[in-house]
Amino acid sequence: MLPPIEIPTLLFWENGNTWYGSKGQARFFIQPVTHEAASDTPDAPSHTTLDIEFWRGPLTKALSHICSTASFPLSGEGLEQTVQWLEEQAAIVNEE
């Protein structure tokens, strides 16, 4: 059995860092993306999401087809959602 996916803590993402990871044949890239307020609501605060690209290995992202993407809020709950989504995607790829 493969070990569970682990990703860095909230502070890592708040500092703008990116992350590559894998589980079996599953590969993924995570990056924080800041979304500014829309021009029609300039007083609204900006918000940051964790945007994920997912592909089947063994090749690098540049040489592979991105088969799935997702975006979750940059928060404690968002980190949990990110790991859960990655585990679900990895289970699909690794059972094929």
PDB file of N, CA and C in Angstrom:
ATOM      1  N   MET A   1       0.844  -1.186   0.000  1.00  0.00           N
ATOM      2  CA  MET A   1       0.000   0.000   0.000  1.00  0.00           C
ATOM      3  C   MET A   1       0.888   1.249   0.000  1.00  0.00           C
ATOM      4  N   LEU A   2       0.473   2.228  -0.773  1.00  0.00           N
ATOM      5  CA  LEU A   2       1.244   3.468  -0.878  1.00  0.00           C
ATOM      6  C   LEU A   2       0.970   4.380   0.317  1.00  0.00           C
ATOM      7  N   PRO A   3       1.966   5.133   0.752  1.00  0.00           N
ATOM      8  CA  PRO A   3       1.756   6.053   1.881  1.00  0.00           C
ATOM      9  C   PRO A   3       0.803   7.181   1.496  1.00  0.00           C
ATOM     10  N   PRO A   4       0.150   7.806   2.463  1.00  0.00           N
ATOM     11  CA  PRO A   4      -0.780   8.899   2.161  1.00  0.00           C
ATOM     12  C   PRO A   4      -0.045  10.120   1.611  1.00  0.00           C
ATOM     13  N   ILE A   5      -0.768  10.905   0.840  1.00  0.00           N
ATOM     14  CA  ILE A   5      -0.220  12.152   0.300  1.00  0.00           C
ATOM     15  C   ILE A   5      -0.132  13.170   1.426  1.00  0.00           C
ATOM     16  N   GLU A   6       1.006  13.817   1.512  1.00  0.00           N
ATOM     17  CA  GLU A   6       1.198  14.896   2.478  1.00  0.00           C
ATOM     18  C   GLU A   6       1.624  16.141   1.714  1.00  0.00           C
ATOM     19  N   ILE A   7       1.062  17.287   2.091  1.00  0.00           N
ATOM     20  CA  ILE A   7       1.456  18.552   1.479  1.00  0.00           C
ATOM     21  C   ILE A   7       1.879  19.515   2.588  1.00  0.00           C
ATOM     22  N   PRO A   8       2.609  20.566   2.228  1.00  0.00           N
ATOM     23  CA  PRO A   8       3.089  21.508   3.246  1.00  0.00           C
ATOM     24  C   PRO A   8       1.959  22.238   3.974  1.00  0.00           C
ATOM     25  N   THR A   9       2.350  22.904   5.057  1.00  0.00           N
ATOM     26  CA  THR A   9       1.401  23.647   5.889  1.00  0.00           C
ATOM     27  C   THR A   9       0.998  24.967   5.240  1.00  0.00           C
ATOM     28  N   LEU A  10       0.045  25.626   5.838  1.00  0.00           N
ATOM     29  CA  LEU A  10      -0.519  26.872   5.326  1.00  0.00           C
ATOM     30  C   LEU A  10       0.545  27.942   5.076  1.00  0.00           C
ATOM     31  N   LEU A  11       1.497  28.096   5.983  1.00  0.00           N
ATOM     32  CA  LEU A  11       2.524  29.128   5.842  1.00  0.00           C
ATOM     33  C   LEU A  11       3.337  28.953   4.559  1.00  0.00           C
ATOM     34  N   PHE A  12       3.605  27.722   4.170  1.00  0.00           N
ATOM     35  CA  PHE A  12       4.338  27.437   2.934  1.00  0.00           C
ATOM     36  C   PHE A  12       3.637  28.081   1.746  1.00  0.00           C
ATOM     37  N   TRP A  13       2.318  27.905   1.669  1.00  0.00           N
ATOM     38  CA  TRP A  13       1.534  28.426   0.542  1.00  0.00           C
ATOM     39  C   TRP A  13       1.368  29.937   0.640  1.00  0.00           C
ATOM     40  N   GLU A  14       1.208  30.448   1.846  1.00  0.00           N
ATOM     41  CA  GLU A  14       1.059  31.898   2.035  1.00  0.00           C
ATOM     42  C   GLU A  14       2.305  32.647   1.572  1.00  0.00           C
ATOM     43  N   ASN A  15       3.449  31.981   1.558  1.00  0.00           N
ATOM     44  CA  ASN A  15       4.692  32.590   1.079  1.00  0.00           C
ATOM     45  C   ASN A  15       4.885  32.435  -0.424  1.00  0.00           C
ATOM     46  N   GLY A  16       3.871  31.906  -1.121  1.00  0.00           N
ATOM     47  CA  GLY A  16       3.904  31.842  -2.583  1.00  0.00           C
ATOM     48  C   GLY A  16       4.662  30.673  -3.179  1.00  0.00           C
ATOM     49  N   ASN A  17       4.976  29.678  -2.381  1.00  0.00           N
ATOM     50  CA  ASN A  17       5.730  28.521  -2.880  1.00  0.00           C
ATOM     51  C   ASN A  17       4.850  27.576  -3.691  1.00  0.00           C
ATOM     52  N   THR A  18       5.473  26.831  -4.606  1.00  0.00           N
ATOM     53  CA  THR A  18       4.787  25.813  -5.399  1.00  0.00           C
ATOM     54  C   THR A  18       5.278  24.433  -4.977  1.00  0.00           C
ATOM     55  N   TRP A  19       4.555  23.379  -5.400  1.00  0.00           N
ATOM     56  CA  TRP A  19       4.862  22.025  -4.933  1.00  0.00           C
ATOM     57  C   TRP A  19       4.545  20.995  -6.009  1.00  0.00           C
ATOM     58  N   TYR A  20       5.490  20.110  -6.263  1.00  0.00           N
ATOM     59  CA  TYR A  20       5.260  18.930  -7.095  1.00  0.00           C
ATOM     60  C   TYR A  20       5.196  17.718  -6.180  1.00  0.00           C
ATOM     61  N   GLY A  21       4.327  16.768  -6.510  1.00  0.00           N
ATOM     62  CA  GLY A  21       4.238  15.561  -5.714  1.00  0.00           C
ATOM     63  C   GLY A  21       3.793  14.383  -6.558  1.00  0.00           C
ATOM     64  N   SER A  22       3.825  13.205  -5.951  1.00  0.00           N
ATOM     65  CA  SER A  22       3.405  11.998  -6.654  1.00  0.00           C
ATOM     66  C   SER A  22       2.940  10.945  -5.661  1.00  0.00           C
ATOM     67  N   LYS A  23       2.179  10.006  -6.203  1.00  0.00           N
ATOM     68  CA  LYS A  23       1.766   8.821  -5.450  1.00  0.00           C
ATOM     69  C   LYS A  23       1.550   7.727  -6.483  1.00  0.00           C
ATOM     70  N   GLY A  24       2.440   6.735  -6.488  1.00  0.00           N
ATOM     71  CA  GLY A  24       2.367   5.707  -7.522  1.00  0.00           C
ATOM     72  C   GLY A  24       2.556   6.343  -8.887  1.00  0.00           C
ATOM     73  N   GLN A  25       1.604   6.130  -9.793  1.00  0.00           N
ATOM     74  CA  GLN A  25       1.659   6.727 -11.131  1.00  0.00           C
ATOM     75  C   GLN A  25       1.051   8.128 -11.176  1.00  0.00           C
ATOM     76  N   ALA A  26       0.464   8.575 -10.098  1.00  0.00           N
ATOM     77  CA  ALA A  26      -0.166   9.900 -10.042  1.00  0.00           C
ATOM     78  C   ALA A  26       0.897  10.979  -9.841  1.00  0.00           C
ATOM     79  N   ARG A  27       0.771  12.077 -10.586  1.00  0.00           N
ATOM     80  CA  ARG A  27       1.668  13.224 -10.459  1.00  0.00           C
ATOM     81  C   ARG A  27       0.808  14.470 -10.313  1.00  0.00           C
ATOM     82  N   PHE A  28       1.299  15.448  -9.538  1.00  0.00           N
ATOM     83  CA  PHE A  28       0.525  16.675  -9.385  1.00  0.00           C
ATOM     84  C   PHE A  28       1.423  17.872  -9.115  1.00  0.00           C
ATOM     85  N   PHE A  29       0.895  19.044  -9.456  1.00  0.00           N
ATOM     86  CA  PHE A  29       1.565  20.323  -9.237  1.00  0.00           C
ATOM     87  C   PHE A  29       0.553  21.238  -8.562  1.00  0.00           C
ATOM     88  N   ILE A  30       0.964  21.892  -7.478  1.00  0.00           N
ATOM     89  CA  ILE A  30       0.080  22.797  -6.739  1.00  0.00           C
ATOM     90  C   ILE A  30       0.744  24.164  -6.673  1.00  0.00           C
ATOM     91  N   GLN A  31      -0.047  25.208  -6.954  1.00  0.00           N
ATOM     92  CA  GLN A  31       0.472  26.566  -6.815  1.00  0.00           C
ATOM     93  C   GLN A  31      -0.601  27.477  -6.237  1.00  0.00           C
ATOM     94  N   PRO A  32      -0.202  28.399  -5.371  1.00  0.00           N
ATOM     95  CA  PRO A  32      -1.160  29.378  -4.853  1.00  0.00           C
ATOM     96  C   PRO A  32      -1.372  30.471  -5.898  1.00  0.00           C
ATOM     97  N   VAL A  33      -2.627  30.855  -6.105  1.00  0.00           N
ATOM     98  CA  VAL A  33      -2.968  31.902  -7.068  1.00  0.00           C
ATOM     99  C   VAL A  33      -3.819  32.944  -6.357  1.00  0.00           C
ATOM    100  N   THR A  34      -3.376  34.202  -6.405  1.00  0.00           N
ATOM    101  CA  THR A  34      -4.130  35.292  -5.781  1.00  0.00           C
ATOM    102  C   THR A  34      -5.075  35.893  -6.807  1.00  0.00           C
ATOM    103  N   HIS A  35      -6.343  36.005  -6.435  1.00  0.00           N
ATOM    104  CA  HIS A  35      -7.385  36.558  -7.295  1.00  0.00           C
ATOM    105  C   HIS A  35      -7.765  37.928  -6.744  1.00  0.00           C
ATOM    106  N   GLU A  36      -7.556  38.954  -7.550  1.00  0.00           N
ATOM    107  CA  GLU A  36      -7.893  40.314  -7.135  1.00  0.00           C
ATOM    108  C   GLU A  36      -9.401  40.511  -7.207  1.00  0.00           C
ATOM    109  N   ALA A  37      -9.876  41.526  -6.510  1.00  0.00           N
ATOM    110  CA  ALA A  37     -11.301  41.853  -6.528  1.00  0.00           C
ATOM    111  C   ALA A  37     -11.708  42.264  -7.941  1.00  0.00           C
ATOM    112  N   ALA A  38     -12.928  41.947  -8.323  1.00  0.00           N
ATOM    113  CA  ALA A  38     -13.441  42.336  -9.637  1.00  0.00           C
ATOM    114  C   ALA A  38     -13.569  43.852  -9.713  1.00  0.00           C
ATOM    115  N   SER A  39     -13.481  44.389 -10.926  1.00  0.00           N
ATOM    116  CA  SER A  39     -13.527  45.845 -11.098  1.00  0.00           C
ATOM    117  C   SER A  39     -14.861  46.437 -10.649  1.00  0.00           C
ATOM    118  N   ASP A  40     -15.939  45.645 -10.693  1.00  0.00           N
ATOM    119  CA  ASP A  40     -17.241  46.161 -10.260  1.00  0.00           C
ATOM    120  C   ASP A  40     -17.411  46.111  -8.737  1.00  0.00           C
ATOM    121  N   THR A  41     -16.485  45.454  -8.034  1.00  0.00           N
ATOM    122  CA  THR A  41     -16.502  45.412  -6.567  1.00  0.00           C
ATOM    123  C   THR A  41     -15.093  45.669  -6.030  1.00  0.00           C
ATOM    124  N   PRO A  42     -14.586  46.885  -6.225  1.00  0.00           N
ATOM    125  CA  PRO A  42     -13.193  47.167  -5.839  1.00  0.00           C
ATOM    126  C   PRO A  42     -12.926  47.069  -4.336  1.00  0.00           C
ATOM    127  N   ASP A  43     -13.964  47.159  -3.504  1.00  0.00           N
ATOM    128  CA  ASP A  43     -13.767  47.072  -2.057  1.00  0.00           C
ATOM    129  C   ASP A  43     -13.679  45.633  -1.550  1.00  0.00           C
ATOM    130  N   ALA A  44     -14.026  44.688  -2.405  1.00  0.00           N
ATOM    131  CA  ALA A  44     -13.964  43.280  -1.998  1.00  0.00           C
ATOM    132  C   ALA A  44     -12.499  42.869  -1.827  1.00  0.00           C
ATOM    133  N   PRO A  45     -12.213  42.052  -0.837  1.00  0.00           N
ATOM    134  CA  PRO A  45     -10.819  41.638  -0.622  1.00  0.00           C
ATOM    135  C   PRO A  45     -10.364  40.630  -1.684  1.00  0.00           C
ATOM    136  N   SER A  46      -9.074  40.614  -1.929  1.00  0.00           N
ATOM    137  CA  SER A  46      -8.536  39.584  -2.812  1.00  0.00           C
ATOM    138  C   SER A  46      -8.559  38.256  -2.041  1.00  0.00           C
ATOM    139  N   HIS A  47      -8.495  37.170  -2.769  1.00  0.00           N
ATOM    140  CA  HIS A  47      -8.448  35.863  -2.113  1.00  0.00           C
ATOM    141  C   HIS A  47      -7.476  34.955  -2.868  1.00  0.00           C
ATOM    142  N   THR A  48      -6.951  33.976  -2.179  1.00  0.00           N
ATOM    143  CA  THR A  48      -5.969  33.070  -2.769  1.00  0.00           C
ATOM    144  C   THR A  48      -6.513  31.650  -2.770  1.00  0.00           C
ATOM    145  N   THR A  49      -6.263  30.959  -3.875  1.00  0.00           N
ATOM    146  CA  THR A  49      -6.657  29.559  -3.996  1.00  0.00           C
ATOM    147  C   THR A  49      -5.420  28.703  -4.251  1.00  0.00           C
ATOM    148  N   LEU A  50      -5.552  27.423  -3.966  1.00  0.00           N
ATOM    149  CA  LEU A  50      -4.541  26.449  -4.363  1.00  0.00           C
ATOM    150  C   LEU A  50      -5.042  25.806  -5.646  1.00  0.00           C
ATOM    151  N   ASP A  51      -4.335  26.039  -6.736  1.00  0.00           N
ATOM    152  CA  ASP A  51      -4.719  25.489  -8.029  1.00  0.00           C
ATOM    153  C   ASP A  51      -3.852  24.263  -8.311  1.00  0.00           C
ATOM    154  N   ILE A  52      -4.508  23.176  -8.707  1.00  0.00           N
ATOM    155  CA  ILE A  52      -3.836  21.887  -8.866  1.00  0.00           C
ATOM    156  C   ILE A  52      -3.958  21.403 -10.303  1.00  0.00           C
ATOM    157  N   GLU A  53      -2.848  20.893 -10.820  1.00  0.00           N
ATOM    158  CA  GLU A  53      -2.836  20.192 -12.103  1.00  0.00           C
ATOM    159  C   GLU A  53      -2.420  18.751 -11.815  1.00  0.00           C
ATOM    160  N   PHE A  54      -3.122  17.811 -12.431  1.00  0.00           N
ATOM    161  CA  PHE A  54      -2.939  16.389 -12.138  1.00  0.00           C
ATOM    162  C   PHE A  54      -2.732  15.629 -13.440  1.00  0.00           C
ATOM    163  N   TRP A  55      -1.747  14.718 -13.459  1.00  0.00           N
ATOM    164  CA  TRP A  55      -1.501  13.907 -14.640  1.00  0.00           C
ATOM    165  C   TRP A  55      -0.989  12.531 -14.243  1.00  0.00           C
ATOM    166  N   ARG A  56      -0.978  11.644 -15.225  1.00  0.00           N
ATOM    167  CA  ARG A  56      -0.472  10.282 -15.008  1.00  0.00           C
ATOM    168  C   ARG A  56       1.003  10.253 -15.385  1.00  0.00           C
ATOM    169  N   GLY A  57       1.848   9.700 -14.501  1.00  0.00           N
ATOM    170  CA  GLY A  57       3.286   9.597 -14.743  1.00  0.00           C
ATOM    171  C   GLY A  57       3.582   8.514 -15.754  1.00  0.00           C
ATOM    172  N   PRO A  58       4.821   8.282 -16.039  1.00  0.00           N
ATOM    173  CA  PRO A  58       5.993   8.691 -15.278  1.00  0.00           C
ATOM    174  C   PRO A  58       6.651   9.975 -15.775  1.00  0.00           C
ATOM    175  N   LEU A  59       6.144  10.562 -16.854  1.00  0.00           N
ATOM    176  CA  LEU A  59       6.813  11.728 -17.433  1.00  0.00           C
ATOM    177  C   LEU A  59       6.528  13.010 -16.660  1.00  0.00           C
ATOM    178  N   THR A  60       7.329  14.032 -16.942  1.00  0.00           N
ATOM    179  CA  THR A  60       7.148  15.337 -16.310  1.00  0.00           C
ATOM    180  C   THR A  60       5.868  15.996 -16.795  1.00  0.00           C
ATOM    181  N   LYS A  61       5.470  17.052 -16.125  1.00  0.00           N
ATOM    182  CA  LYS A  61       4.260  17.789 -16.496  1.00  0.00           C
ATOM    183  C   LYS A  61       4.348  18.296 -17.932  1.00  0.00           C
ATOM    184  N   ALA A  62       5.504  18.826 -18.309  1.00  0.00           N
ATOM    185  CA  ALA A  62       5.675  19.391 -19.650  1.00  0.00           C
ATOM    186  C   ALA A  62       5.496  18.343 -20.749  1.00  0.00           C
ATOM    187  N   LEU A  63       5.761  17.092 -20.450  1.00  0.00           N
ATOM    188  CA  LEU A  63       5.672  16.022 -21.444  1.00  0.00           C
ATOM    189  C   LEU A  63       4.413  15.175 -21.287  1.00  0.00           C
ATOM    190  N   SER A  64       3.490  15.615 -20.458  1.00  0.00           N
ATOM    191  CA  SER A  64       2.290  14.828 -20.166  1.00  0.00           C
ATOM    192  C   SER A  64       1.025  15.607 -20.487  1.00  0.00           C
ATOM    193  N   HIS A  65      -0.072  14.882 -20.519  1.00  0.00           N
ATOM    194  CA  HIS A  65      -1.396  15.483 -20.688  1.00  0.00           C
ATOM    195  C   HIS A  65      -1.996  15.713 -19.298  1.00  0.00           C
ATOM    196  N   ILE A  66      -2.378  16.953 -19.009  1.00  0.00           N
ATOM    197  CA  ILE A  66      -3.041  17.257 -17.735  1.00  0.00           C
ATOM    198  C   ILE A  66      -4.450  16.679 -17.828  1.00  0.00           C
ATOM    199  N   CYS A  67      -4.737  15.688 -17.012  1.00  0.00           N
ATOM    200  CA  CYS A  67      -6.032  15.011 -17.113  1.00  0.00           C
ATOM    201  C   CYS A  67      -7.075  15.570 -16.161  1.00  0.00           C
ATOM    202  N   SER A  68      -6.654  16.384 -15.189  1.00  0.00           N
ATOM    203  CA  SER A  68      -7.623  16.932 -14.250  1.00  0.00           C
ATOM    204  C   SER A  68      -7.033  18.154 -13.555  1.00  0.00           C
ATOM    205  N   THR A  69      -7.905  19.107 -13.235  1.00  0.00           N
ATOM    206  CA  THR A  69      -7.496  20.293 -12.480  1.00  0.00           C
ATOM    207  C   THR A  69      -8.532  20.561 -11.395  1.00  0.00           C
ATOM    208  N   ALA A  70      -8.106  21.270 -10.371  1.00  0.00           N
ATOM    209  CA  ALA A  70      -9.018  21.650  -9.288  1.00  0.00           C
ATOM    210  C   ALA A  70      -8.470  22.891  -8.609  1.00  0.00           C
ATOM    211  N   SER A  71      -9.339  23.555  -7.863  1.00  0.00           N
ATOM    212  CA  SER A  71      -8.955  24.756  -7.129  1.00  0.00           C
ATOM    213  C   SER A  71      -9.671  24.748  -5.786  1.00  0.00           C
ATOM    214  N   PHE A  72      -8.912  25.013  -4.720  1.00  0.00           N
ATOM    215  CA  PHE A  72      -9.472  25.030  -3.371  1.00  0.00           C
ATOM    216  C   PHE A  72      -9.004  26.289  -2.651  1.00  0.00           C
ATOM    217  N   PRO A  73      -9.789  26.788  -1.703  1.00  0.00           N
ATOM    218  CA  PRO A  73      -9.383  28.000  -0.976  1.00  0.00           C
ATOM    219  C   PRO A  73      -8.118  27.762  -0.156  1.00  0.00           C
ATOM    220  N   LEU A  74      -7.321  28.803  -0.036  1.00  0.00           N
ATOM    221  CA  LEU A  74      -6.119  28.721   0.797  1.00  0.00           C
ATOM    222  C   LEU A  74      -6.536  28.925   2.242  1.00  0.00           C
ATOM    223  N   SER A  75      -6.810  27.813   2.917  1.00  0.00           N
ATOM    224  CA  SER A  75      -7.243  27.803   4.318  1.00  0.00           C
ATOM    225  C   SER A  75      -6.970  26.404   4.860  1.00  0.00           C
ATOM    226  N   GLY A  76      -7.134  26.237   6.149  1.00  0.00           N
ATOM    227  CA  GLY A  76      -6.971  24.914   6.735  1.00  0.00           C
ATOM    228  C   GLY A  76      -7.909  23.907   6.106  1.00  0.00           C
ATOM    229  N   GLU A  77      -9.163  24.303   5.942  1.00  0.00           N
ATOM    230  CA  GLU A  77     -10.150  23.419   5.319  1.00  0.00           C
ATOM    231  C   GLU A  77      -9.796  23.159   3.858  1.00  0.00           C
ATOM    232  N   GLY A  78      -9.312  24.193   3.173  1.00  0.00           N
ATOM    233  CA  GLY A  78      -8.904  24.033   1.781  1.00  0.00           C
ATOM    234  C   GLY A  78      -7.756  23.047   1.625  1.00  0.00           C
ATOM    235  N   LEU A  79      -6.823  23.052   2.583  1.00  0.00           N
ATOM    236  CA  LEU A  79      -5.721  22.083   2.546  1.00  0.00           C
ATOM    237  C   LEU A  79      -6.255  20.660   2.690  1.00  0.00           C
ATOM    238  N   GLU A  80      -7.215  20.468   3.595  1.00  0.00           N
ATOM    239  CA  GLU A  80      -7.826  19.146   3.772  1.00  0.00           C
ATOM    240  C   GLU A  80      -8.546  18.710   2.499  1.00  0.00           C
ATOM    241  N   GLN A  81      -9.275  19.639   1.868  1.00  0.00           N
ATOM    242  CA  GLN A  81      -9.979  19.333   0.622  1.00  0.00           C
ATOM    243  C   GLN A  81      -8.996  18.979  -0.488  1.00  0.00           C
ATOM    244  N   THR A  82      -7.872  19.690  -0.518  1.00  0.00           N
ATOM    245  CA  THR A  82      -6.847  19.429  -1.524  1.00  0.00           C
ATOM    246  C   THR A  82      -6.314  18.007  -1.393  1.00  0.00           C
ATOM    247  N   VAL A  83      -5.944  17.612  -0.189  1.00  0.00           N
ATOM    248  CA  VAL A  83      -5.406  16.265   0.032  1.00  0.00           C
ATOM    249  C   VAL A  83      -6.459  15.211  -0.301  1.00  0.00           C
ATOM    250  N   GLN A  84      -7.693  15.434   0.102  1.00  0.00           N
ATOM    251  CA  GLN A  84      -8.760  14.467  -0.185  1.00  0.00           C
ATOM    252  C   GLN A  84      -8.940  14.302  -1.694  1.00  0.00           C
ATOM    253  N   TRP A  85      -8.966  15.421  -2.429  1.00  0.00           N
ATOM    254  CA  TRP A  85      -9.132  15.364  -3.882  1.00  0.00           C
ATOM    255  C   TRP A  85      -7.949  14.633  -4.524  1.00  0.00           C
ATOM    256  N   LEU A  86      -6.733  14.953  -4.081  1.00  0.00           N
ATOM    257  CA  LEU A  86      -5.546  14.286  -4.629  1.00  0.00           C
ATOM    258  C   LEU A  86      -5.583  12.783  -4.372  1.00  0.00           C
ATOM    259  N   GLU A  87      -5.982  12.383  -3.175  1.00  0.00           N
ATOM    260  CA  GLU A  87      -6.076  10.952  -2.852  1.00  0.00           C
ATOM    261  C   GLU A  87      -7.099  10.259  -3.755  1.00  0.00           C
ATOM    262  N   GLU A  88      -8.233  10.911  -4.004  1.00  0.00           N
ATOM    263  CA  GLU A  88      -9.259  10.332  -4.876  1.00  0.00           C
ATOM    264  C   GLU A  88      -8.734  10.167  -6.297  1.00  0.00           C
ATOM    265  N   GLN A  89      -8.071  11.197  -6.813  1.00  0.00           N
ATOM    266  CA  GLN A  89      -7.523  11.136  -8.166  1.00  0.00           C
ATOM    267  C   GLN A  89      -6.428  10.071  -8.264  1.00  0.00           C
ATOM    268  N   ALA A  90      -5.565  10.006  -7.258  1.00  0.00           N
ATOM    269  CA  ALA A  90      -4.478   9.020  -7.256  1.00  0.00           C
ATOM    270  C   ALA A  90      -5.035   7.598  -7.219  1.00  0.00           C
ATOM    271  N   ALA A  91      -6.097   7.381  -6.465  1.00  0.00           N
ATOM    272  CA  ALA A  91      -6.703   6.047  -6.386  1.00  0.00           C
ATOM    273  C   ALA A  91      -7.201   5.603  -7.757  1.00  0.00           C
ATOM    274  N   ILE A  92      -7.785   6.519  -8.506  1.00  0.00           N
ATOM    275  CA  ILE A  92      -8.286   6.196  -9.849  1.00  0.00           C
ATOM    276  C   ILE A  92      -7.129   5.818 -10.768  1.00  0.00           C
ATOM    277  N   VAL A  93      -6.093   6.643 -10.787  1.00  0.00           N
ATOM    278  CA  VAL A  93      -4.945   6.403 -11.672  1.00  0.00           C
ATOM    279  C   VAL A  93      -4.215   5.121 -11.299  1.00  0.00           C
ATOM    280  N   ASN A  94      -4.056   4.872 -10.023  1.00  0.00           N
ATOM    281  CA  ASN A  94      -3.262   3.723  -9.589  1.00  0.00           C
ATOM    282  C   ASN A  94      -4.004   2.393  -9.660  1.00  0.00           C
ATOM    283  N   GLU A  95      -5.321   2.417  -9.853  1.00  0.00           N
ATOM    284  CA  GLU A  95      -6.045   1.149 -10.008  1.00  0.00           C
ATOM    285  C   GLU A  95      -6.165   0.753 -11.468  1.00  0.00           C
ATOM    286  N   GLU A  96      -5.845   1.681 -12.379  1.00  0.00           N
ATOM    287  CA  GLU A  96      -5.933   1.376 -13.821  1.00  0.00           C
ATOM    288  C   GLU A  96      -4.828   0.447 -14.254  1.00  0.00           C
TER     289      GLU A  96
END
